[in-house]
Amino acid sequence: MGFEHIRNFALQDDLEFVALADPNPPSRKLGRKTAAHPIAEYEDTRAMLDEEALDVVVIATPNHTHAAVLDEVFARPVHVLVEKPLCTTMEDCDRIVAASEAREHLTWVGMEYRYMPPVARLVEAVRSGHAGRLRMLSIREHRFPFLQKVGDWNRFNRNTGGTLVEKCCHFFDLMNLIIDARPTRVFASGAQDVNHLDERYDGETPDILDNAFVMVDYEGGARAMLDLCMFAEASRNEQEICATGDLGKVECFIPESTLVLGTREGRKIEELPIDVDVTILAAGFHHGATYYQQRAFADAIHAGGRAEVDVHAGRTAVAIGCAAQQSIESGQPVDMTAFGI
């Protein structure tokens, strides 16, 4: 993900990528190659922060390191974009939320799925009232298995927070954004049925889920469902989102990049293509979202504004993921008041 940020920095006129810190030599080499211009390189974050006059730091390190890296970065007068999830435990999330609130500079959580153009258009349509009173939201992600990462850190729940934190905090954030109400209860069912079962790391078998259904109830009566499958490469679209209310429904499909507006009265259905600049699409794997998120982040810094995706949004998305993991383990619904929501 760090390399995707680097490619997108090059498309922003007001952002200059000047330095990277990474303890892994091959990663530094790839970062240097991706930058395609001279940059400073460091083995650790503290050295980079000590030597460089930085305005912004983007954290794209393994999930379980976010809290420690944020501790280092928060001690400096810099704006921060930290990739999802904010942290892997609620204890770390709470500590980081408190530390962020004591700072003047922005802390932005990298929930880039909000910034995929088809998703952004769906949010606009729902907020404009096209679906009427929103009652149901479904999100389907049918995709390929987890990719290999440095040191295979993403094969174990202790490093990722669990699949429903690591991967699905994106979708829980979208649920919160679209429904715009307090999540009250989570019920989930999931398993590791297909992927990584024959892999061993120092004799240990990965324990990450590869499929799940998660239902989230919201204050006011709306409900949302996530349908996740990570052995579904044979899919026309990787993400499908459907928001349904008493007047109609709004759907979007990615990477097909379409928005579908349905109206109950007269059973009208309109399909709209959502165009994205090919240069922006080529700079990443998230349908242009990284570019648009960077743009919003930079604009907020210039304007002295607030983070659109703040640490509270990051914490709530992690809380739903933790509740879903807990629900699978217990077989019971989980009340979100247990997570301070």
Foldseek 3Di string as FASTA:
>chain_A
DVLLLLLLQVVDPPHDAAEDEDLDVVVVVVSCVSNVDDHYYYPDDLVCLVPDPDAEDEADDFQQCLLVSLVSVLVDNHAYEYEPQNHLDLVSLVVSQVSQVVHLHAYAYPLLLCQQQQNVVQLVCVVVQLQPQWAEKEKEFAEAADDADVVSQVLACVRQSACLRNPVLSVVLSVCSRNVFAWWKKAKAFAADDPQQPDADVRDGGGHTAWMKMKIAGPPNHIYIYGGHHHRNVDPFRMKMWIHHPFWIWIATPPQQKIWRFGPVVRDIDIDHDDDPVSLVVSDDSNNSSSRQVVVVVVCVVVSHHHPHHSVSSSSSSLNSNQRVVNNVVVDMDTSVVSVD
